[in-house]
Amino acid sequence: MSAPHQPLSLAARLARVIALRGVIDAHGGGQMLFYEAIGADVLPPTPETVITAAPLATLPLDTPTSGSVDVAGEAPALLALLSLTPVSGLASAQGLVGFARIADGAGVGIVDLRAGPPGSELPVILSALQLYMGGEVKLLSCLISE
């Protein structure tokens, strides 16, 4: 029988999002890959799951990963947040974005996050979810919380 779950302290959660930023920077800098939803679950089971479909777009992230580490909410429900700097690029295929995978420079998946339009309150916010080959892809925000 396992012990009941004890949440981590805010200091520990802040350390985890700072460490995550370092993992994203591994192998020459991180990248964000955008994919169509995978069935009704939207996300793959884990970031290690191989996705056979080509990404709709791949945006390189700043190296080192820029953005901010901050605290949000009201005590005792404070969140440690890693906010990635917005970037833009061009779509390599047409489709409707369901999620984004953040990977390191070697393409190793780190975290999969649901994507949505402005106002959706999802972790990844794009200017538009419908992408067209050669069209602009604008990442407006990406928040990873602990």
N, C-alpha and C. Protein backbone atom coordinates (compact mmCIF):
# COMPACT_ATOMS: atom_id res chain seq x y z
N MET A 1 0.83 -1.17 0.00
CA MET A 1 0.00 0.00 0.00
C MET A 1 0.88 1.24 0.00
N SER A 2 0.59 2.20 -0.86
CA SER A 2 1.42 3.39 -0.96
C SER A 2 0.91 4.49 -0.04
N ALA A 3 1.83 5.36 0.33
CA ALA A 3 1.48 6.50 1.18
C ALA A 3 0.65 7.49 0.38
N PRO A 4 -0.19 8.27 1.05
CA PRO A 4 -0.98 9.28 0.32
C PRO A 4 -0.06 10.30 -0.35
N HIS A 5 -0.53 10.83 -1.47
CA HIS A 5 0.25 11.80 -2.23
C HIS A 5 0.44 13.08 -1.43
N GLN A 6 1.68 13.53 -1.33
CA GLN A 6 2.00 14.79 -0.68
C GLN A 6 2.48 15.76 -1.76
N PRO A 7 1.79 16.88 -1.96
CA PRO A 7 2.21 17.81 -2.99
C PRO A 7 3.59 18.40 -2.68
N LEU A 8 4.28 18.76 -3.71
CA LEU A 8 5.60 19.39 -3.56
C LEU A 8 5.44 20.83 -3.12
N SER A 9 6.45 21.33 -2.45
CA SER A 9 6.45 22.73 -2.05
C SER A 9 6.57 23.61 -3.29
N LEU A 10 6.21 24.86 -3.15
CA LEU A 10 6.32 25.81 -4.25
C LEU A 10 7.77 25.91 -4.70
N ALA A 11 8.71 25.92 -3.76
CA ALA A 11 10.13 26.00 -4.13
C ALA A 11 10.55 24.80 -4.98
N ALA A 12 10.05 23.61 -4.64
CA ALA A 12 10.38 22.41 -5.40
C ALA A 12 9.76 22.46 -6.80
N ARG A 13 8.52 22.95 -6.89
CA ARG A 13 7.88 23.06 -8.21
C ARG A 13 8.56 24.10 -9.08
N LEU A 14 9.01 25.20 -8.48
CA LEU A 14 9.77 26.20 -9.24
C LEU A 14 11.07 25.59 -9.76
N ALA A 15 11.73 24.80 -8.92
CA ALA A 15 12.97 24.13 -9.35
C ALA A 15 12.70 23.18 -10.51
N ARG A 16 11.55 22.50 -10.49
CA ARG A 16 11.22 21.58 -11.58
C ARG A 16 11.00 22.32 -12.90
N VAL A 17 10.31 23.46 -12.88
CA VAL A 17 10.11 24.16 -14.16
C VAL A 17 11.41 24.79 -14.66
N ILE A 18 12.29 25.18 -13.75
CA ILE A 18 13.61 25.69 -14.17
C ILE A 18 14.42 24.55 -14.79
N ALA A 19 14.38 23.37 -14.18
CA ALA A 19 15.08 22.20 -14.74
C ALA A 19 14.49 21.82 -16.10
N LEU A 20 13.17 21.92 -16.23
CA LEU A 20 12.52 21.60 -17.51
C LEU A 20 13.04 22.51 -18.62
N ARG A 21 13.25 23.77 -18.30
CA ARG A 21 13.80 24.70 -19.29
C ARG A 21 15.16 24.21 -19.77
N GLY A 22 15.99 23.69 -18.86
CA GLY A 22 17.29 23.14 -19.25
C GLY A 22 17.17 21.91 -20.13
N VAL A 23 16.19 21.05 -19.85
CA VAL A 23 15.97 19.84 -20.66
C VAL A 23 15.55 20.23 -22.07
N ILE A 24 14.70 21.25 -22.20
CA ILE A 24 14.27 21.72 -23.52
C ILE A 24 15.47 22.19 -24.34
N ASP A 25 16.44 22.82 -23.69
CA ASP A 25 17.61 23.36 -24.38
C ASP A 25 18.63 22.30 -24.81
N ALA A 26 18.48 21.07 -24.33
CA ALA A 26 19.46 20.02 -24.63
C ALA A 26 19.61 19.79 -26.14
N HIS A 27 20.80 19.42 -26.53
CA HIS A 27 21.13 19.07 -27.92
C HIS A 27 20.92 20.23 -28.90
N GLY A 28 21.25 21.43 -28.47
CA GLY A 28 21.24 22.55 -29.40
C GLY A 28 19.98 23.38 -29.44
N GLY A 29 19.06 23.18 -28.53
CA GLY A 29 17.89 24.04 -28.47
C GLY A 29 16.60 23.31 -28.75
N GLY A 30 15.55 23.80 -28.12
CA GLY A 30 14.25 23.14 -28.22
C GLY A 30 13.47 23.52 -29.46
N GLN A 31 12.39 22.79 -29.64
CA GLN A 31 11.50 23.02 -30.77
C GLN A 31 10.08 22.64 -30.36
N MET A 32 9.13 23.25 -31.03
CA MET A 32 7.73 22.95 -30.78
C MET A 32 7.15 22.42 -32.08
N LEU A 33 6.60 21.20 -32.01
CA LEU A 33 6.01 20.55 -33.17
C LEU A 33 4.50 20.50 -32.98
N PHE A 34 3.76 20.85 -34.02
CA PHE A 34 2.30 20.90 -33.94
C PHE A 34 1.70 19.77 -34.75
N TYR A 35 0.76 19.05 -34.12
CA TYR A 35 0.14 17.88 -34.73
C TYR A 35 -1.38 17.97 -34.66
N GLU A 36 -2.03 17.21 -35.53
CA GLU A 36 -3.48 17.04 -35.42
C GLU A 36 -3.74 16.17 -34.20
N ALA A 37 -4.95 16.26 -33.64
CA ALA A 37 -5.32 15.44 -32.48
C ALA A 37 -5.21 13.97 -32.82
N ILE A 38 -4.88 13.17 -31.82
CA ILE A 38 -4.78 11.72 -32.00
C ILE A 38 -6.05 11.12 -31.43
N GLY A 39 -7.05 10.94 -32.28
CA GLY A 39 -8.33 10.37 -31.84
C GLY A 39 -9.02 11.23 -30.81
N ALA A 40 -9.87 10.62 -30.02
CA ALA A 40 -10.64 11.34 -29.02
C ALA A 40 -9.79 11.80 -27.85
N ASP A 41 -8.62 11.17 -27.66
CA ASP A 41 -7.76 11.52 -26.53
C ASP A 41 -6.96 12.80 -26.77
N VAL A 42 -6.89 13.28 -27.97
CA VAL A 42 -6.15 14.47 -28.37
C VAL A 42 -4.65 14.26 -28.25
N LEU A 43 -4.16 13.83 -27.08
CA LEU A 43 -2.72 13.70 -26.84
C LEU A 43 -2.26 12.24 -26.93
N PRO A 44 -1.00 12.02 -27.31
CA PRO A 44 -0.44 10.67 -27.22
C PRO A 44 -0.34 10.26 -25.75
N PRO A 45 -0.20 8.96 -25.47
CA PRO A 45 -0.11 8.52 -24.08
C PRO A 45 1.05 9.13 -23.30
N THR A 46 2.21 9.28 -23.95
CA THR A 46 3.38 9.89 -23.31
C THR A 46 4.17 10.68 -24.36
N PRO A 47 5.05 11.60 -23.93
CA PRO A 47 5.89 12.31 -24.90
C PRO A 47 6.91 11.40 -25.59
N GLU A 48 7.12 10.20 -25.06
CA GLU A 48 8.03 9.24 -25.70
C GLU A 48 7.34 8.47 -26.82
N THR A 49 6.02 8.56 -26.91
CA THR A 49 5.27 7.87 -27.96
C THR A 49 5.69 8.41 -29.32
N VAL A 50 6.08 7.51 -30.21
CA VAL A 50 6.47 7.91 -31.56
C VAL A 50 5.22 8.29 -32.34
N ILE A 51 5.26 9.45 -32.97
CA ILE A 51 4.16 9.91 -33.80
C ILE A 51 4.56 9.69 -35.25
N THR A 52 3.81 8.86 -35.94
CA THR A 52 4.18 8.53 -37.33
C THR A 52 3.78 9.62 -38.32
N ALA A 53 2.78 10.42 -37.97
CA ALA A 53 2.36 11.51 -38.85
C ALA A 53 3.39 12.63 -38.81
N ALA A 54 3.58 13.28 -39.95
CA ALA A 54 4.47 14.43 -40.00
C ALA A 54 3.82 15.60 -39.27
N PRO A 55 4.64 16.44 -38.60
CA PRO A 55 4.05 17.60 -37.94
C PRO A 55 3.49 18.59 -38.96
N LEU A 56 2.45 19.31 -38.55
CA LEU A 56 1.88 20.36 -39.40
C LEU A 56 2.83 21.55 -39.47
N ALA A 57 3.59 21.76 -38.42
CA ALA A 57 4.57 22.85 -38.37
C ALA A 57 5.58 22.54 -37.27
N THR A 58 6.79 23.05 -37.43
CA THR A 58 7.83 22.94 -36.42
C THR A 58 8.42 24.33 -36.22
N LEU A 59 8.36 24.80 -34.99
CA LEU A 59 8.91 26.11 -34.67
C LEU A 59 10.10 25.95 -33.74
N PRO A 60 11.26 26.50 -34.12
CA PRO A 60 12.39 26.45 -33.20
C PRO A 60 12.15 27.42 -32.04
N LEU A 61 12.55 27.01 -30.85
CA LEU A 61 12.46 27.87 -29.68
C LEU A 61 13.79 28.59 -29.50
N ASP A 62 13.76 29.72 -28.84
CA ASP A 62 14.99 30.45 -28.55
C ASP A 62 15.95 29.55 -27.80
N THR A 63 17.25 29.75 -28.05
CA THR A 63 18.28 29.01 -27.34
C THR A 63 19.23 30.00 -26.68
N PRO A 64 19.39 30.00 -25.37
CA PRO A 64 18.64 29.15 -24.46
C PRO A 64 17.17 29.53 -24.46
N THR A 65 16.35 28.59 -24.03
CA THR A 65 14.91 28.81 -24.02
C THR A 65 14.62 30.08 -23.23
N SER A 66 13.96 31.00 -23.90
CA SER A 66 13.63 32.24 -23.21
C SER A 66 12.18 32.20 -22.78
N GLY A 67 11.89 33.01 -21.86
CA GLY A 67 10.57 33.07 -21.27
C GLY A 67 10.75 33.35 -19.80
N SER A 68 9.72 33.15 -19.05
CA SER A 68 9.81 33.48 -17.63
C SER A 68 9.37 32.31 -16.78
N VAL A 69 9.92 32.28 -15.58
CA VAL A 69 9.47 31.36 -14.54
C VAL A 69 8.82 32.25 -13.50
N ASP A 70 7.59 31.93 -13.14
CA ASP A 70 6.82 32.81 -12.28
C ASP A 70 5.90 31.98 -11.39
N VAL A 71 5.18 32.68 -10.53
CA VAL A 71 4.20 32.07 -9.64
C VAL A 71 2.86 32.71 -9.93
N ALA A 72 1.81 31.90 -9.98
CA ALA A 72 0.47 32.43 -10.22
C ALA A 72 -0.51 31.78 -9.27
N GLY A 73 -1.63 32.43 -9.07
CA GLY A 73 -2.69 31.89 -8.23
C GLY A 73 -2.70 32.54 -6.87
N GLU A 74 -3.48 31.96 -6.00
CA GLU A 74 -3.60 32.46 -4.64
C GLU A 74 -3.28 31.33 -3.68
N ALA A 75 -2.56 31.65 -2.62
CA ALA A 75 -2.18 30.65 -1.63
C ALA A 75 -3.43 29.97 -1.09
N PRO A 76 -3.43 28.69 -0.85
CA PRO A 76 -2.29 27.78 -0.98
C PRO A 76 -2.17 27.15 -2.36
N ALA A 77 -3.02 27.51 -3.31
CA ALA A 77 -3.02 26.88 -4.62
C ALA A 77 -2.15 27.64 -5.61
N LEU A 78 -0.92 27.91 -5.25
CA LEU A 78 -0.01 28.61 -6.15
C LEU A 78 0.57 27.65 -7.17
N LEU A 79 0.77 28.14 -8.40
CA LEU A 79 1.36 27.36 -9.47
C LEU A 79 2.72 27.91 -9.83
N ALA A 80 3.65 27.02 -10.13
CA ALA A 80 4.93 27.42 -10.71
C ALA A 80 4.75 27.34 -12.22
N LEU A 81 5.06 28.41 -12.93
CA LEU A 81 4.82 28.48 -14.37
C LEU A 81 6.10 28.73 -15.15
N LEU A 82 6.23 28.01 -16.25
CA LEU A 82 7.25 28.30 -17.25
C LEU A 82 6.50 28.83 -18.46
N SER A 83 6.76 30.07 -18.81
CA SER A 83 6.09 30.71 -19.95
C SER A 83 7.11 30.88 -21.06
N LEU A 84 6.89 30.21 -22.20
CA LEU A 84 7.83 30.29 -23.32
C LEU A 84 7.57 31.55 -24.14
N THR A 85 8.63 32.11 -24.67
CA THR A 85 8.54 33.31 -25.50
C THR A 85 7.81 32.98 -26.80
N PRO A 86 6.84 33.82 -27.20
CA PRO A 86 6.14 33.59 -28.47
C PRO A 86 7.10 33.56 -29.67
N VAL A 87 6.79 32.70 -30.62
CA VAL A 87 7.57 32.58 -31.85
C VAL A 87 6.60 32.40 -33.01
N SER A 88 7.12 32.52 -34.22
CA SER A 88 6.29 32.27 -35.39
C SER A 88 7.13 31.60 -36.47
N GLY A 89 6.45 31.00 -37.42
CA GLY A 89 7.10 30.31 -38.53
C GLY A 89 6.08 29.96 -39.57
N LEU A 90 6.43 29.02 -40.44
CA LEU A 90 5.55 28.62 -41.53
C LEU A 90 5.11 27.17 -41.37
N ALA A 91 3.87 26.89 -41.73
CA ALA A 91 3.34 25.53 -41.68
C ALA A 91 3.93 24.71 -42.82
N SER A 92 4.21 23.44 -42.55
CA SER A 92 4.73 22.54 -43.58
C SER A 92 3.63 21.65 -44.16
N ALA A 93 2.43 21.73 -43.59
CA ALA A 93 1.30 20.93 -44.07
C ALA A 93 0.00 21.62 -43.67
N GLN A 94 -1.07 21.13 -44.24
CA GLN A 94 -2.40 21.66 -43.91
C GLN A 94 -3.06 20.74 -42.90
N GLY A 95 -3.75 21.33 -41.93
CA GLY A 95 -4.48 20.54 -40.94
C GLY A 95 -4.91 21.38 -39.77
N LEU A 96 -5.63 20.75 -38.86
CA LEU A 96 -6.15 21.40 -37.67
C LEU A 96 -5.32 20.96 -36.47
N VAL A 97 -4.65 21.90 -35.82
CA VAL A 97 -3.77 21.59 -34.70
C VAL A 97 -4.61 21.14 -33.50
N GLY A 98 -4.19 20.01 -32.90
CA GLY A 98 -4.83 19.50 -31.69
C GLY A 98 -3.91 19.61 -30.48
N PHE A 99 -2.59 19.45 -30.74
CA PHE A 99 -1.64 19.53 -29.64
C PHE A 99 -0.26 19.91 -30.15
N ALA A 100 0.57 20.30 -29.21
CA ALA A 100 1.96 20.63 -29.50
C ALA A 100 2.86 19.71 -28.68
N ARG A 101 3.94 19.30 -29.29
CA ARG A 101 4.97 18.54 -28.57
C ARG A 101 6.20 19.43 -28.47
N ILE A 102 6.67 19.61 -27.25
CA ILE A 102 7.93 20.31 -27.06
C ILE A 102 9.00 19.23 -27.01
N ALA A 103 10.02 19.41 -27.84
CA ALA A 103 11.11 18.44 -27.93
C ALA A 103 12.44 19.16 -27.80
N ASP A 104 13.48 18.42 -27.45
CA ASP A 104 14.80 19.02 -27.41
C ASP A 104 15.38 19.08 -28.82
N GLY A 105 16.61 19.53 -28.95
CA GLY A 105 17.22 19.70 -30.27
C GLY A 105 17.41 18.40 -31.03
N ALA A 106 17.41 17.27 -30.34
CA ALA A 106 17.55 15.97 -31.00
C ALA A 106 16.19 15.39 -31.38
N GLY A 107 15.12 16.14 -31.09
CA GLY A 107 13.78 15.67 -31.42
C GLY A 107 13.15 14.76 -30.38
N VAL A 108 13.79 14.64 -29.21
CA VAL A 108 13.26 13.79 -28.14
C VAL A 108 12.11 14.54 -27.47
N GLY A 109 10.94 13.91 -27.43
CA GLY A 109 9.76 14.53 -26.83
C GLY A 109 9.92 14.76 -25.34
N ILE A 110 9.52 15.93 -24.89
CA ILE A 110 9.62 16.29 -23.48
C ILE A 110 8.25 16.41 -22.84
N VAL A 111 7.35 17.11 -23.52
CA VAL A 111 6.00 17.30 -22.99
C VAL A 111 5.04 17.53 -24.15
N ASP A 112 3.84 16.96 -24.04
CA ASP A 112 2.76 17.19 -25.01
C ASP A 112 1.70 18.04 -24.32
N LEU A 113 1.25 19.07 -25.02
CA LEU A 113 0.28 20.01 -24.46
C LEU A 113 -0.84 20.27 -25.45
N ARG A 114 -2.06 20.36 -24.94
CA ARG A 114 -3.20 20.70 -25.80
C ARG A 114 -3.05 22.12 -26.31
N ALA A 115 -3.51 22.35 -27.52
CA ALA A 115 -3.43 23.67 -28.14
C ALA A 115 -4.82 24.20 -28.43
N GLY A 116 -4.95 25.51 -28.37
CA GLY A 116 -6.24 26.12 -28.64
C GLY A 116 -6.08 27.55 -29.12
N PRO A 117 -7.20 28.18 -29.47
CA PRO A 117 -7.17 29.57 -29.93
C PRO A 117 -7.17 30.53 -28.73
N PRO A 118 -6.97 31.83 -28.98
CA PRO A 118 -7.05 32.80 -27.89
C PRO A 118 -8.38 32.66 -27.13
N GLY A 119 -8.30 32.76 -25.81
CA GLY A 119 -9.48 32.65 -24.97
C GLY A 119 -9.81 31.24 -24.53
N SER A 120 -9.11 30.24 -25.05
CA SER A 120 -9.43 28.85 -24.71
C SER A 120 -8.85 28.41 -23.38
N GLU A 121 -7.89 29.14 -22.84
CA GLU A 121 -7.24 28.83 -21.57
C GLU A 121 -6.51 27.49 -21.59
N LEU A 122 -6.14 27.01 -22.78
CA LEU A 122 -5.31 25.80 -22.89
C LEU A 122 -3.85 26.20 -22.74
N PRO A 123 -2.95 25.24 -22.49
CA PRO A 123 -1.54 25.58 -22.27
C PRO A 123 -0.86 26.24 -23.47
N VAL A 124 -1.22 25.83 -24.68
CA VAL A 124 -0.61 26.40 -25.89
C VAL A 124 -1.69 27.19 -26.63
N ILE A 125 -1.39 28.45 -26.90
CA ILE A 125 -2.34 29.33 -27.61
C ILE A 125 -1.72 29.75 -28.94
N LEU A 126 -2.45 29.43 -30.01
CA LEU A 126 -2.03 29.81 -31.37
C LEU A 126 -2.99 30.88 -31.89
N SER A 127 -2.51 31.68 -32.83
CA SER A 127 -3.39 32.68 -33.43
C SER A 127 -4.52 32.01 -34.20
N ALA A 128 -4.26 30.83 -34.76
CA ALA A 128 -5.27 30.05 -35.49
C ALA A 128 -4.88 28.58 -35.42
N LEU A 129 -5.86 27.70 -35.28
CA LEU A 129 -5.59 26.26 -35.24
C LEU A 129 -5.57 25.64 -36.63
N GLN A 130 -6.32 26.20 -37.57
CA GLN A 130 -6.31 25.70 -38.95
C GLN A 130 -5.07 26.22 -39.64
N LEU A 131 -4.19 25.30 -40.03
CA LEU A 131 -2.95 25.68 -40.71
C LEU A 131 -3.02 25.30 -42.18
N TYR A 132 -2.35 26.11 -42.99
CA TYR A 132 -2.27 25.87 -44.43
C TYR A 132 -0.80 25.83 -44.81
N MET A 133 -0.44 24.89 -45.66
CA MET A 133 0.95 24.73 -46.08
C MET A 133 1.51 26.07 -46.55
N GLY A 134 2.61 26.48 -45.95
CA GLY A 134 3.27 27.73 -46.28
C GLY A 134 2.69 28.93 -45.56
N GLY A 135 1.60 28.75 -44.82
CA GLY A 135 0.99 29.85 -44.07
C GLY A 135 1.68 30.07 -42.74
N GLU A 136 1.48 31.25 -42.19
CA GLU A 136 2.12 31.60 -40.93
C GLU A 136 1.49 30.88 -39.74
N VAL A 137 2.35 30.44 -38.83
CA VAL A 137 1.95 29.83 -37.56
C VAL A 137 2.47 30.75 -36.47
N LYS A 138 1.57 31.26 -35.63
CA LYS A 138 1.99 32.17 -34.55
C LYS A 138 1.66 31.57 -33.20
N LEU A 139 2.71 31.26 -32.45
CA LEU A 139 2.56 30.84 -31.06
C LEU A 139 2.39 32.10 -30.23
N LEU A 140 1.21 32.29 -29.66
CA LEU A 140 0.96 33.47 -28.83
C LEU A 140 1.41 33.28 -27.40
N SER A 141 1.24 32.05 -26.88
CA SER A 141 1.72 31.76 -25.53
C SER A 141 1.81 30.27 -25.30
N CYS A 142 2.66 29.92 -24.36
CA CYS A 142 2.79 28.52 -23.92
C CYS A 142 3.13 28.56 -22.44
N LEU A 143 2.22 28.03 -21.63
CA LEU A 143 2.41 27.98 -20.19
C LEU A 143 2.49 26.52 -19.74
N ILE A 144 3.57 26.19 -19.06
CA ILE A 144 3.73 24.86 -18.48
C ILE A 144 3.68 25.07 -16.98
N SER A 145 2.72 24.42 -16.32
CA SER A 145 2.54 24.64 -14.89
C SER A 145 2.85 23.39 -14.09
N GLU A 146 3.29 23.62 -12.89
CA GLU A 146 3.59 22.57 -11.91
C GLU A 146 2.78 22.83 -10.68
